[in-house]
Amino acid sequence: MSVIPQNRKRKRNVENRQVYVGNMPFDATEKEIEAVFSVMGPIKSIWMAKRPPGFAFVTFKRTVHAFDAVKYLNGKKICDLEAKVEMCEVDFKEDLRRRMELENLKRQNI
């Protein structure tokens, strides 16, 4: 039996709880998205694109709820359009790289 040192930091939680929601109408609101997706389980956050509009990311508090959202809501009508609901991939290095690039672009445009 191996012993884990107590001073060792816990690993980051890499469970995937985020889903991509595409093919949404441009005038969809966060409240409409929350009403649809909260049926699957508690939502941690919702991020909606503004430029270009038409997609969002919904983060659930538990992974099982994200999988349920994909299973039951993909291809269903959300805000009068057939939505595309997919799991987001967990890749922290790639996510960090993208965030750094966006931050650099923002700084250049200021």
PDB file of N, CA and C in Angstrom:
ATOM      1  N   MET A   1       0.838  -1.170   0.000  1.00  0.00           N
ATOM      2  CA  MET A   1       0.000   0.000   0.000  1.00  0.00           C
ATOM      3  C   MET A   1       0.888   1.239   0.000  1.00  0.00           C
ATOM      4  N   SER A   2       0.597   2.182  -0.907  1.00  0.00           N
ATOM      5  CA  SER A   2       1.401   3.394  -0.977  1.00  0.00           C
ATOM      6  C   SER A   2       0.787   4.495  -0.121  1.00  0.00           C
ATOM      7  N   VAL A   3       1.632   5.349   0.385  1.00  0.00           N
ATOM      8  CA  VAL A   3       1.194   6.462   1.221  1.00  0.00           C
ATOM      9  C   VAL A   3       1.410   7.754   0.448  1.00  0.00           C
ATOM     10  N   ILE A   4       0.365   8.568   0.382  1.00  0.00           N
ATOM     11  CA  ILE A   4       0.450   9.840  -0.321  1.00  0.00           C
ATOM     12  C   ILE A   4       0.846  10.913   0.689  1.00  0.00           C
ATOM     13  N   PRO A   5       1.889  11.677   0.399  1.00  0.00           N
ATOM     14  CA  PRO A   5       2.307  12.726   1.327  1.00  0.00           C
ATOM     15  C   PRO A   5       1.183  13.739   1.566  1.00  0.00           C
ATOM     16  N   GLN A   6       1.044  14.190   2.809  1.00  0.00           N
ATOM     17  CA  GLN A   6      -0.022  15.122   3.143  1.00  0.00           C
ATOM     18  C   GLN A   6       0.197  16.497   2.538  1.00  0.00           C
ATOM     19  N   ASN A   7       1.443  16.880   2.308  1.00  0.00           N
ATOM     20  CA  ASN A   7       1.712  18.206   1.765  1.00  0.00           C
ATOM     21  C   ASN A   7       1.511  18.269   0.252  1.00  0.00           C
ATOM     22  N   ARG A   8       1.228  17.163  -0.350  1.00  0.00           N
ATOM     23  CA  ARG A   8       0.998  17.119  -1.792  1.00  0.00           C
ATOM     24  C   ARG A   8      -0.341  17.766  -2.122  1.00  0.00           C
ATOM     25  N   LYS A   9      -0.337  18.666  -3.073  1.00  0.00           N
ATOM     26  CA  LYS A   9      -1.566  19.346  -3.447  1.00  0.00           C
ATOM     27  C   LYS A   9      -2.501  18.397  -4.172  1.00  0.00           C
ATOM     28  N   ARG A  10      -3.783  18.617  -3.978  1.00  0.00           N
ATOM     29  CA  ARG A  10      -4.769  17.798  -4.680  1.00  0.00           C
ATOM     30  C   ARG A  10      -4.769  18.143  -6.156  1.00  0.00           C
ATOM     31  N   LYS A  11      -4.992  17.141  -6.974  1.00  0.00           N
ATOM     32  CA  LYS A  11      -5.046  17.379  -8.415  1.00  0.00           C
ATOM     33  C   LYS A  11      -6.302  18.166  -8.756  1.00  0.00           C
ATOM     34  N   ARG A  12      -6.174  18.955  -9.786  1.00  0.00           N
ATOM     35  CA  ARG A  12      -7.300  19.740 -10.265  1.00  0.00           C
ATOM     36  C   ARG A  12      -8.396  18.813 -10.756  1.00  0.00           C
ATOM     37  N   ASN A  13      -9.631  19.169 -10.477  1.00  0.00           N
ATOM     38  CA  ASN A  13     -10.766  18.364 -10.907  1.00  0.00           C
ATOM     39  C   ASN A  13     -10.905  18.488 -12.420  1.00  0.00           C
ATOM     40  N   VAL A  14     -10.729  17.396 -13.138  1.00  0.00           N
ATOM     41  CA  VAL A  14     -10.764  17.442 -14.594  1.00  0.00           C
ATOM     42  C   VAL A  14     -12.059  16.873 -15.155  1.00  0.00           C
ATOM     43  N   GLU A  15     -13.067  16.753 -14.309  1.00  0.00           N
ATOM     44  CA  GLU A  15     -14.339  16.262 -14.823  1.00  0.00           C
ATOM     45  C   GLU A  15     -14.922  17.285 -15.786  1.00  0.00           C
ATOM     46  N   ASN A  16     -15.516  16.791 -16.827  1.00  0.00           N
ATOM     47  CA  ASN A  16     -16.109  17.676 -17.819  1.00  0.00           C
ATOM     48  C   ASN A  16     -17.562  17.946 -17.457  1.00  0.00           C
ATOM     49  N   ARG A  17     -17.861  19.183 -17.189  1.00  0.00           N
ATOM     50  CA  ARG A  17     -19.223  19.572 -16.816  1.00  0.00           C
ATOM     51  C   ARG A  17     -19.810  20.589 -17.770  1.00  0.00           C
ATOM     52  N   GLN A  18     -19.124  20.883 -18.856  1.00  0.00           N
ATOM     53  CA  GLN A  18     -19.543  21.959 -19.750  1.00  0.00           C
ATOM     54  C   GLN A  18     -20.046  21.404 -21.075  1.00  0.00           C
ATOM     55  N   VAL A  19     -21.149  21.998 -21.563  1.00  0.00           N
ATOM     56  CA  VAL A  19     -21.688  21.627 -22.864  1.00  0.00           C
ATOM     57  C   VAL A  19     -21.722  22.853 -23.766  1.00  0.00           C
ATOM     58  N   TYR A  20     -21.538  22.594 -25.044  1.00  0.00           N
ATOM     59  CA  TYR A  20     -21.653  23.607 -26.087  1.00  0.00           C
ATOM     60  C   TYR A  20     -23.077  23.567 -26.607  1.00  0.00           C
ATOM     61  N   VAL A  21     -23.684  24.725 -26.773  1.00  0.00           N
ATOM     62  CA  VAL A  21     -25.033  24.826 -27.321  1.00  0.00           C
ATOM     63  C   VAL A  21     -24.938  25.695 -28.563  1.00  0.00           C
ATOM     64  N   GLY A  22     -25.183  25.111 -29.718  1.00  0.00           N
ATOM     65  CA  GLY A  22     -25.094  25.843 -30.974  1.00  0.00           C
ATOM     66  C   GLY A  22     -26.422  25.919 -31.690  1.00  0.00           C
ATOM     67  N   ASN A  23     -26.443  26.702 -32.762  1.00  0.00           N
ATOM     68  CA  ASN A  23     -27.625  26.925 -33.587  1.00  0.00           C
ATOM     69  C   ASN A  23     -28.754  27.554 -32.772  1.00  0.00           C
ATOM     70  N   MET A  24     -28.392  28.589 -32.024  1.00  0.00           N
ATOM     71  CA  MET A  24     -29.385  29.313 -31.238  1.00  0.00           C
ATOM     72  C   MET A  24     -29.754  30.602 -31.957  1.00  0.00           C
ATOM     73  N   PRO A  25     -30.989  31.062 -31.755  1.00  0.00           N
ATOM     74  CA  PRO A  25     -31.353  32.348 -32.366  1.00  0.00           C
ATOM     75  C   PRO A  25     -30.531  33.483 -31.746  1.00  0.00           C
ATOM     76  N   PHE A  26     -30.291  34.511 -32.533  1.00  0.00           N
ATOM     77  CA  PHE A  26     -29.467  35.617 -32.080  1.00  0.00           C
ATOM     78  C   PHE A  26     -30.097  36.379 -30.912  1.00  0.00           C
ATOM     79  N   ASP A  27     -31.416  36.300 -30.773  1.00  0.00           N
ATOM     80  CA  ASP A  27     -32.081  37.038 -29.695  1.00  0.00           C
ATOM     81  C   ASP A  27     -32.369  36.177 -28.464  1.00  0.00           C
ATOM     82  N   ALA A  28     -31.800  34.982 -28.403  1.00  0.00           N
ATOM     83  CA  ALA A  28     -31.995  34.112 -27.230  1.00  0.00           C
ATOM     84  C   ALA A  28     -31.403  34.783 -25.990  1.00  0.00           C
ATOM     85  N   THR A  29     -32.056  34.581 -24.856  1.00  0.00           N
ATOM     86  CA  THR A  29     -31.585  35.192 -23.616  1.00  0.00           C
ATOM     87  C   THR A  29     -31.036  34.121 -22.671  1.00  0.00           C
ATOM     88  N   GLU A  30     -30.270  34.588 -21.701  1.00  0.00           N
ATOM     89  CA  GLU A  30     -29.705  33.678 -20.708  1.00  0.00           C
ATOM     90  C   GLU A  30     -30.813  33.011 -19.892  1.00  0.00           C
ATOM     91  N   LYS A  31     -31.877  33.743 -19.627  1.00  0.00           N
ATOM     92  CA  LYS A  31     -32.996  33.174 -18.863  1.00  0.00           C
ATOM     93  C   LYS A  31     -33.672  32.035 -19.627  1.00  0.00           C
ATOM     94  N   GLU A  32     -33.792  32.174 -20.940  1.00  0.00           N
ATOM     95  CA  GLU A  32     -34.384  31.103 -21.752  1.00  0.00           C
ATOM     96  C   GLU A  32     -33.506  29.858 -21.727  1.00  0.00           C
ATOM     97  N   ILE A  33     -32.209  30.064 -21.851  1.00  0.00           N
ATOM     98  CA  ILE A  33     -31.267  28.937 -21.820  1.00  0.00           C
ATOM     99  C   ILE A  33     -31.302  28.278 -20.447  1.00  0.00           C
ATOM    100  N   GLU A  34     -31.304  29.079 -19.406  1.00  0.00           N
ATOM    101  CA  GLU A  34     -31.342  28.532 -18.052  1.00  0.00           C
ATOM    102  C   GLU A  34     -32.617  27.732 -17.814  1.00  0.00           C
ATOM    103  N   ALA A  35     -33.738  28.219 -18.308  1.00  0.00           N
ATOM    104  CA  ALA A  35     -35.018  27.513 -18.124  1.00  0.00           C
ATOM    105  C   ALA A  35     -34.980  26.128 -18.759  1.00  0.00           C
ATOM    106  N   VAL A  36     -34.367  26.017 -19.914  1.00  0.00           N
ATOM    107  CA  VAL A  36     -34.300  24.733 -20.617  1.00  0.00           C
ATOM    108  C   VAL A  36     -33.302  23.788 -19.950  1.00  0.00           C
ATOM    109  N   PHE A  37     -32.107  24.276 -19.662  1.00  0.00           N
ATOM    110  CA  PHE A  37     -31.034  23.408 -19.180  1.00  0.00           C
ATOM    111  C   PHE A  37     -31.114  23.104 -17.692  1.00  0.00           C
ATOM    112  N   SER A  38     -31.758  23.944 -16.913  1.00  0.00           N
ATOM    113  CA  SER A  38     -31.851  23.678 -15.473  1.00  0.00           C
ATOM    114  C   SER A  38     -32.712  22.464 -15.170  1.00  0.00           C
ATOM    115  N   VAL A  39     -33.502  22.017 -16.142  1.00  0.00           N
ATOM    116  CA  VAL A  39     -34.288  20.795 -15.979  1.00  0.00           C
ATOM    117  C   VAL A  39     -33.362  19.582 -15.848  1.00  0.00           C
ATOM    118  N   MET A  40     -32.181  19.657 -16.470  1.00  0.00           N
ATOM    119  CA  MET A  40     -31.221  18.548 -16.421  1.00  0.00           C
ATOM    120  C   MET A  40     -30.505  18.473 -15.079  1.00  0.00           C
ATOM    121  N   GLY A  41     -30.361  19.604 -14.392  1.00  0.00           N
ATOM    122  CA  GLY A  41     -29.674  19.641 -13.112  1.00  0.00           C
ATOM    123  C   GLY A  41     -29.192  21.039 -12.806  1.00  0.00           C
ATOM    124  N   PRO A  42     -28.594  21.231 -11.617  1.00  0.00           N
ATOM    125  CA  PRO A  42     -28.120  22.556 -11.217  1.00  0.00           C
ATOM    126  C   PRO A  42     -27.039  23.085 -12.150  1.00  0.00           C
ATOM    127  N   ILE A  43     -27.164  24.352 -12.506  1.00  0.00           N
ATOM    128  CA  ILE A  43     -26.227  25.004 -13.414  1.00  0.00           C
ATOM    129  C   ILE A  43     -25.262  25.860 -12.615  1.00  0.00           C
ATOM    130  N   LYS A  44     -23.996  25.762 -12.970  1.00  0.00           N
ATOM    131  CA  LYS A  44     -22.973  26.586 -12.321  1.00  0.00           C
ATOM    132  C   LYS A  44     -22.857  27.936 -13.021  1.00  0.00           C
ATOM    133  N   SER A  45     -22.822  27.918 -14.364  1.00  0.00           N
ATOM    134  CA  SER A  45     -22.708  29.167 -15.116  1.00  0.00           C
ATOM    135  C   SER A  45     -23.178  28.986 -16.556  1.00  0.00           C
ATOM    136  N   ILE A  46     -23.526  30.115 -17.158  1.00  0.00           N
ATOM    137  CA  ILE A  46     -23.910  30.153 -18.573  1.00  0.00           C
ATOM    138  C   ILE A  46     -23.134  31.297 -19.210  1.00  0.00           C
ATOM    139  N   TRP A  47     -22.487  31.009 -20.329  1.00  0.00           N
ATOM    140  CA  TRP A  47     -21.793  32.040 -21.088  1.00  0.00           C
ATOM    141  C   TRP A  47     -22.392  32.055 -22.485  1.00  0.00           C
ATOM    142  N   MET A  48     -22.873  33.221 -22.901  1.00  0.00           N
ATOM    143  CA  MET A  48     -23.479  33.348 -24.222  1.00  0.00           C
ATOM    144  C   MET A  48     -22.618  34.252 -25.095  1.00  0.00           C
ATOM    145  N   ALA A  49     -22.401  33.835 -26.321  1.00  0.00           N
ATOM    146  CA  ALA A  49     -21.614  34.626 -27.264  1.00  0.00           C
ATOM    147  C   ALA A  49     -22.420  35.834 -27.720  1.00  0.00           C
ATOM    148  N   LYS A  50     -21.719  36.942 -27.871  1.00  0.00           N
ATOM    149  CA  LYS A  50     -22.372  38.156 -28.358  1.00  0.00           C
ATOM    150  C   LYS A  50     -21.910  38.525 -29.763  1.00  0.00           C
ATOM    151  N   ARG A  51     -20.632  38.281 -30.051  1.00  0.00           N
ATOM    152  CA  ARG A  51     -20.094  38.590 -31.376  1.00  0.00           C
ATOM    153  C   ARG A  51     -19.214  37.449 -31.839  1.00  0.00           C
ATOM    154  N   PRO A  52     -19.616  36.575 -32.658  1.00  0.00           N
ATOM    155  CA  PRO A  52     -20.942  36.440 -33.244  1.00  0.00           C
ATOM    156  C   PRO A  52     -21.890  35.729 -32.286  1.00  0.00           C
ATOM    157  N   PRO A  53     -23.153  36.089 -32.310  1.00  0.00           N
ATOM    158  CA  PRO A  53     -24.131  35.398 -31.456  1.00  0.00           C
ATOM    159  C   PRO A  53     -24.508  34.045 -32.046  1.00  0.00           C
ATOM    160  N   GLY A  54     -25.299  33.288 -31.298  1.00  0.00           N
ATOM    161  CA  GLY A  54     -25.792  32.022 -31.830  1.00  0.00           C
ATOM    162  C   GLY A  54     -25.280  30.785 -31.125  1.00  0.00           C
ATOM    163  N   PHE A  55     -24.437  30.961 -30.109  1.00  0.00           N
ATOM    164  CA  PHE A  55     -23.979  29.796 -29.365  1.00  0.00           C
ATOM    165  C   PHE A  55     -23.719  30.183 -27.907  1.00  0.00           C
ATOM    166  N   ALA A  56     -23.626  29.146 -27.070  1.00  0.00           N
ATOM    167  CA  ALA A  56     -23.406  29.371 -25.640  1.00  0.00           C
ATOM    168  C   ALA A  56     -22.698  28.164 -25.041  1.00  0.00           C
ATOM    169  N   PHE A  57     -22.189  28.348 -23.835  1.00  0.00           N
ATOM    170  CA  PHE A  57     -21.617  27.261 -23.050  1.00  0.00           C
ATOM    171  C   PHE A  57     -22.346  27.219 -21.717  1.00  0.00           C
ATOM    172  N   VAL A  58     -22.831  26.038 -21.365  1.00  0.00           N
ATOM    173  CA  VAL A  58     -23.525  25.844 -20.097  1.00  0.00           C
ATOM    174  C   VAL A  58     -22.659  24.911 -19.245  1.00  0.00           C
ATOM    175  N   THR A  59     -22.329  25.356 -18.041  1.00  0.00           N
ATOM    176  CA  THR A  59     -21.536  24.548 -17.120  1.00  0.00           C
ATOM    177  C   THR A  59     -22.424  24.089 -15.978  1.00  0.00           C
ATOM    178  N   PHE A  60     -22.493  22.789 -15.808  1.00  0.00           N
ATOM    179  CA  PHE A  60     -23.305  22.191 -14.755  1.00  0.00           C
ATOM    180  C   PHE A  60     -22.459  21.959 -13.507  1.00  0.00           C
ATOM    181  N   LYS A  61     -23.127  21.756 -12.382  1.00  0.00           N
ATOM    182  CA  LYS A  61     -22.413  21.465 -11.140  1.00  0.00           C
ATOM    183  C   LYS A  61     -21.928  20.021 -11.091  1.00  0.00           C
ATOM    184  N   ARG A  62     -22.576  19.137 -11.849  1.00  0.00           N
ATOM    185  CA  ARG A  62     -22.173  17.722 -11.866  1.00  0.00           C
ATOM    186  C   ARG A  62     -22.047  17.240 -13.313  1.00  0.00           C
ATOM    187  N   THR A  63     -21.099  16.363 -13.521  1.00  0.00           N
ATOM    188  CA  THR A  63     -20.836  15.825 -14.859  1.00  0.00           C
ATOM    189  C   THR A  63     -22.038  15.084 -15.423  1.00  0.00           C
ATOM    190  N   VAL A  64     -22.720  14.325 -14.590  1.00  0.00           N
ATOM    191  CA  VAL A  64     -23.854  13.528 -15.063  1.00  0.00           C
ATOM    192  C   VAL A  64     -24.929  14.417 -15.684  1.00  0.00           C
ATOM    193  N   HIS A  65     -25.096  15.624 -15.172  1.00  0.00           N
ATOM    194  CA  HIS A  65     -26.101  16.522 -15.725  1.00  0.00           C
ATOM    195  C   HIS A  65     -25.708  17.033 -17.109  1.00  0.00           C
ATOM    196  N   ALA A  66     -24.406  17.225 -17.314  1.00  0.00           N
ATOM    197  CA  ALA A  66     -23.931  17.632 -18.638  1.00  0.00           C
ATOM    198  C   ALA A  66     -24.195  16.524 -19.659  1.00  0.00           C
ATOM    199  N   PHE A  67     -23.902  15.277 -19.275  1.00  0.00           N
ATOM    200  CA  PHE A  67     -24.166  14.159 -20.186  1.00  0.00           C
ATOM    201  C   PHE A  67     -25.665  14.015 -20.466  1.00  0.00           C
ATOM    202  N   ASP A  68     -26.496  14.224 -19.449  1.00  0.00           N
ATOM    203  CA  ASP A  68     -27.946  14.172 -19.643  1.00  0.00           C
ATOM    204  C   ASP A  68     -28.413  15.250 -20.615  1.00  0.00           C
ATOM    205  N   ALA A  69     -27.842  16.439 -20.509  1.00  0.00           N
ATOM    206  CA  ALA A  69     -28.216  17.531 -21.411  1.00  0.00           C
ATOM    207  C   ALA A  69     -27.918  17.159 -22.862  1.00  0.00           C
ATOM    208  N   VAL A  70     -26.754  16.576 -23.092  1.00  0.00           N
ATOM    209  CA  VAL A  70     -26.402  16.161 -24.457  1.00  0.00           C
ATOM    210  C   VAL A  70     -27.354  15.064 -24.927  1.00  0.00           C
ATOM    211  N   LYS A  71     -27.603  14.108 -24.072  1.00  0.00           N
ATOM    212  CA  LYS A  71     -28.438  12.960 -24.433  1.00  0.00           C
ATOM    213  C   LYS A  71     -29.873  13.381 -24.769  1.00  0.00           C
ATOM    214  N   TYR A  72     -30.442  14.257 -23.964  1.00  0.00           N
ATOM    215  CA  TYR A  72     -31.852  14.581 -24.112  1.00  0.00           C
ATOM    216  C   TYR A  72     -32.151  15.862 -24.880  1.00  0.00           C
ATOM    217  N   LEU A  73     -31.184  16.774 -25.011  1.00  0.00           N
ATOM    218  CA  LEU A  73     -31.481  18.064 -25.647  1.00  0.00           C
ATOM    219  C   LEU A  73     -30.866  18.247 -27.026  1.00  0.00           C
ATOM    220  N   ASN A  74     -29.884  17.424 -27.397  1.00  0.00           N
ATOM    221  CA  ASN A  74     -29.296  17.558 -28.727  1.00  0.00           C
ATOM    222  C   ASN A  74     -30.342  17.274 -29.797  1.00  0.00           C
ATOM    223  N   GLY A  75     -30.512  18.214 -30.705  1.00  0.00           N
ATOM    224  CA  GLY A  75     -31.481  18.053 -31.789  1.00  0.00           C
ATOM    225  C   GLY A  75     -32.892  18.499 -31.427  1.00  0.00           C
ATOM    226  N   LYS A  76     -33.107  18.876 -30.186  1.00  0.00           N
ATOM    227  CA  LYS A  76     -34.431  19.349 -29.761  1.00  0.00           C
ATOM    228  C   LYS A  76     -34.550  20.844 -30.025  1.00  0.00           C
ATOM    229  N   LYS A  77     -35.787  21.322 -30.105  1.00  0.00           N
ATOM    230  CA  LYS A  77     -36.006  22.751 -30.335  1.00  0.00           C
ATOM    231  C   LYS A  77     -35.772  23.520 -29.041  1.00  0.00           C
ATOM    232  N   ILE A  78     -34.861  24.458 -29.128  1.00  0.00           N
ATOM    233  CA  ILE A  78     -34.580  25.379 -28.028  1.00  0.00           C
ATOM    234  C   ILE A  78     -34.700  26.775 -28.609  1.00  0.00           C
ATOM    235  N   CYS A  79     -35.598  27.561 -28.052  1.00  0.00           N
ATOM    236  CA  CYS A  79     -35.860  28.913 -28.570  1.00  0.00           C
ATOM    237  C   CYS A  79     -36.236  28.854 -30.050  1.00  0.00           C
ATOM    238  N   ASP A  80     -37.052  27.897 -30.411  1.00  0.00           N
ATOM    239  CA  ASP A  80     -37.615  27.718 -31.757  1.00  0.00           C
ATOM    240  C   ASP A  80     -36.626  27.281 -32.837  1.00  0.00           C
ATOM    241  N   LEU A  81     -35.429  26.864 -32.471  1.00  0.00           N
ATOM    242  CA  LEU A  81     -34.486  26.319 -33.442  1.00  0.00           C
ATOM    243  C   LEU A  81     -33.952  24.985 -32.939  1.00  0.00           C
ATOM    244  N   GLU A  82     -33.637  24.091 -33.866  1.00  0.00           N
ATOM    245  CA  GLU A  82     -33.086  22.785 -33.505  1.00  0.00           C
ATOM    246  C   GLU A  82     -31.653  22.971 -33.020  1.00  0.00           C
ATOM    247  N   ALA A  83     -31.447  22.777 -31.735  1.00  0.00           N
ATOM    248  CA  ALA A  83     -30.147  23.068 -31.116  1.00  0.00           C
ATOM    249  C   ALA A  83     -29.167  21.927 -31.287  1.00  0.00           C
ATOM    250  N   LYS A  84     -27.910  22.306 -31.290  1.00  0.00           N
ATOM    251  CA  LYS A  84     -26.812  21.347 -31.299  1.00  0.00           C
ATOM    252  C   LYS A  84     -26.196  21.400 -29.900  1.00  0.00           C
ATOM    253  N   VAL A  85     -26.268  20.303 -29.159  1.00  0.00           N
ATOM    254  CA  VAL A  85     -25.742  20.253 -27.795  1.00  0.00           C
ATOM    255  C   VAL A  85     -24.680  19.163 -27.750  1.00  0.00           C
ATOM    256  N   GLU A  86     -23.455  19.556 -27.412  1.00  0.00           N
ATOM    257  CA  GLU A  86     -22.322  18.625 -27.387  1.00  0.00           C
ATOM    258  C   GLU A  86     -21.490  18.835 -26.131  1.00  0.00           C
ATOM    259  N   MET A  87     -20.801  17.800 -25.703  1.00  0.00           N
ATOM    260  CA  MET A  87     -19.858  17.919 -24.597  1.00  0.00           C
ATOM    261  C   MET A  87     -18.648  18.727 -25.066  1.00  0.00           C
ATOM    262  N   CYS A  88     -18.130  19.560 -24.184  1.00  0.00           N
ATOM    263  CA  CYS A  88     -16.883  20.269 -24.458  1.00  0.00           C
ATOM    264  C   CYS A  88     -15.736  19.366 -24.029  1.00  0.00           C
ATOM    265  N   GLU A  89     -14.636  19.464 -24.740  1.00  0.00           N
ATOM    266  CA  GLU A  89     -13.478  18.659 -24.378  1.00  0.00           C
ATOM    267  C   GLU A  89     -12.689  19.348 -23.282  1.00  0.00           C
ATOM    268  N   VAL A  90     -12.136  18.547 -22.395  1.00  0.00           N
ATOM    269  CA  VAL A  90     -11.333  19.090 -21.304  1.00  0.00           C
ATOM    270  C   VAL A  90      -9.877  19.079 -21.735  1.00  0.00           C
ATOM    271  N   ASP A  91      -9.340  20.244 -21.973  1.00  0.00           N
ATOM    272  CA  ASP A  91      -7.937  20.367 -22.324  1.00  0.00           C
ATOM    273  C   ASP A  91      -7.461  21.695 -21.753  1.00  0.00           C
ATOM    274  N   PHE A  92      -6.975  21.653 -20.525  1.00  0.00           N
ATOM    275  CA  PHE A  92      -6.621  22.885 -19.829  1.00  0.00           C
ATOM    276  C   PHE A  92      -5.481  23.634 -20.500  1.00  0.00           C
ATOM    277  N   LYS A  93      -4.505  22.913 -21.055  1.00  0.00           N
ATOM    278  CA  LYS A  93      -3.394  23.590 -21.719  1.00  0.00           C
ATOM    279  C   LYS A  93      -3.890  24.354 -22.943  1.00  0.00           C
ATOM    280  N   GLU A  94      -4.748  23.727 -23.717  1.00  0.00           N
ATOM    281  CA  GLU A  94      -5.301  24.385 -24.898  1.00  0.00           C
ATOM    282  C   GLU A  94      -6.168  25.577 -24.488  1.00  0.00           C
ATOM    283  N   ASP A  95      -6.966  25.395 -23.448  1.00  0.00           N
ATOM    284  CA  ASP A  95      -7.813  26.477 -22.954  1.00  0.00           C
ATOM    285  C   ASP A  95      -6.958  27.651 -22.477  1.00  0.00           C
ATOM    286  N   LEU A  96      -5.909  27.387 -21.766  1.00  0.00           N
ATOM    287  CA  LEU A  96      -5.021  28.438 -21.291  1.00  0.00           C
ATOM    288  C   LEU A  96      -4.371  29.163 -22.461  1.00  0.00           C
ATOM    289  N   ARG A  97      -3.930  28.417 -23.473  1.00  0.00           N
ATOM    290  CA  ARG A  97      -3.310  29.027 -24.657  1.00  0.00           C
ATOM    291  C   ARG A  97      -4.289  29.959 -25.348  1.00  0.00           C
ATOM    292  N   ARG A  98      -5.544  29.527 -25.517  1.00  0.00           N
ATOM    293  CA  ARG A  98      -6.560  30.363 -26.162  1.00  0.00           C
ATOM    294  C   ARG A  98      -6.834  31.630 -25.353  1.00  0.00           C
ATOM    295  N   ARG A  99      -6.920  31.478 -24.051  1.00  0.00           N
ATOM    296  CA  ARG A  99      -7.179  32.644 -23.198  1.00  0.00           C
ATOM    297  C   ARG A  99      -6.044  33.657 -23.295  1.00  0.00           C
ATOM    298  N   MET A 100      -4.820  33.165 -23.337  1.00  0.00           N
ATOM    299  CA  MET A 100      -3.672  34.060 -23.457  1.00  0.00           C
ATOM    300  C   MET A 100      -3.690  34.787 -24.800  1.00  0.00           C
ATOM    301  N   GLU A 101      -4.038  34.086 -25.871  1.00  0.00           N
ATOM    302  CA  GLU A 101      -4.124  34.718 -27.184  1.00  0.00           C
ATOM    303  C   GLU A 101      -5.206  35.796 -27.202  1.00  0.00           C
ATOM    304  N   LEU A 102      -6.368  35.498 -26.611  1.00  0.00           N
ATOM    305  CA  LEU A 102      -7.451  36.490 -26.552  1.00  0.00           C
ATOM    306  C   LEU A 102      -7.033  37.708 -25.735  1.00  0.00           C
ATOM    307  N   GLU A 103      -6.357  37.470 -24.639  1.00  0.00           N
ATOM    308  CA  GLU A 103      -5.896  38.571 -23.792  1.00  0.00           C
ATOM    309  C   GLU A 103      -4.906  39.449 -24.552  1.00  0.00           C
ATOM    310  N   ASN A 104      -4.012  38.827 -25.318  1.00  0.00           N
ATOM    311  CA  ASN A 104      -3.050  39.585 -26.117  1.00  0.00           C
ATOM    312  C   ASN A 104      -3.749  40.396 -27.206  1.00  0.00           C
ATOM    313  N   LEU A 105      -4.761  39.812 -27.837  1.00  0.00           N
ATOM    314  CA  LEU A 105      -5.512  40.553 -28.857  1.00  0.00           C
ATOM    315  C   LEU A 105      -6.236  41.745 -28.248  1.00  0.00           C
ATOM    316  N   LYS A 106      -6.801  41.564 -27.064  1.00  0.00           N
ATOM    317  CA  LYS A 106      -7.485  42.675 -26.392  1.00  0.00           C
ATOM    318  C   LYS A 106      -6.519  43.802 -26.090  1.00  0.00           C
ATOM    319  N   ARG A 107      -5.337  43.449 -25.629  1.00  0.00           N
ATOM    320  CA  ARG A 107      -4.336  44.467 -25.307  1.00  0.00           C
ATOM    321  C   ARG A 107      -3.888  45.221 -26.549  1.00  0.00           C
ATOM    322  N   GLN A 108      -3.784  44.532 -27.678  1.00  0.00           N
ATOM    323  CA  GLN A 108      -3.345  45.167 -28.924  1.00  0.00           C
ATOM    324  C   GLN A 108      -4.413  46.112 -29.454  1.00  0.00           C
ATOM    325  N   ASN A 109      -5.677  45.811 -29.220  1.00  0.00           N
ATOM    326  CA  ASN A 109      -6.767  46.642 -29.720  1.00  0.00           C
ATOM    327  C   ASN A 109      -7.038  47.856 -28.848  1.00  0.00           C
ATOM    328  N   ILE A 110      -6.469  47.892 -27.676  1.00  0.00           N
ATOM    329  CA  ILE A 110      -6.731  49.022 -26.764  1.00  0.00           C
ATOM    330  C   ILE A 110      -5.931  50.230 -27.167  1.00  0.00           C
TER     331      ILE A 110
END
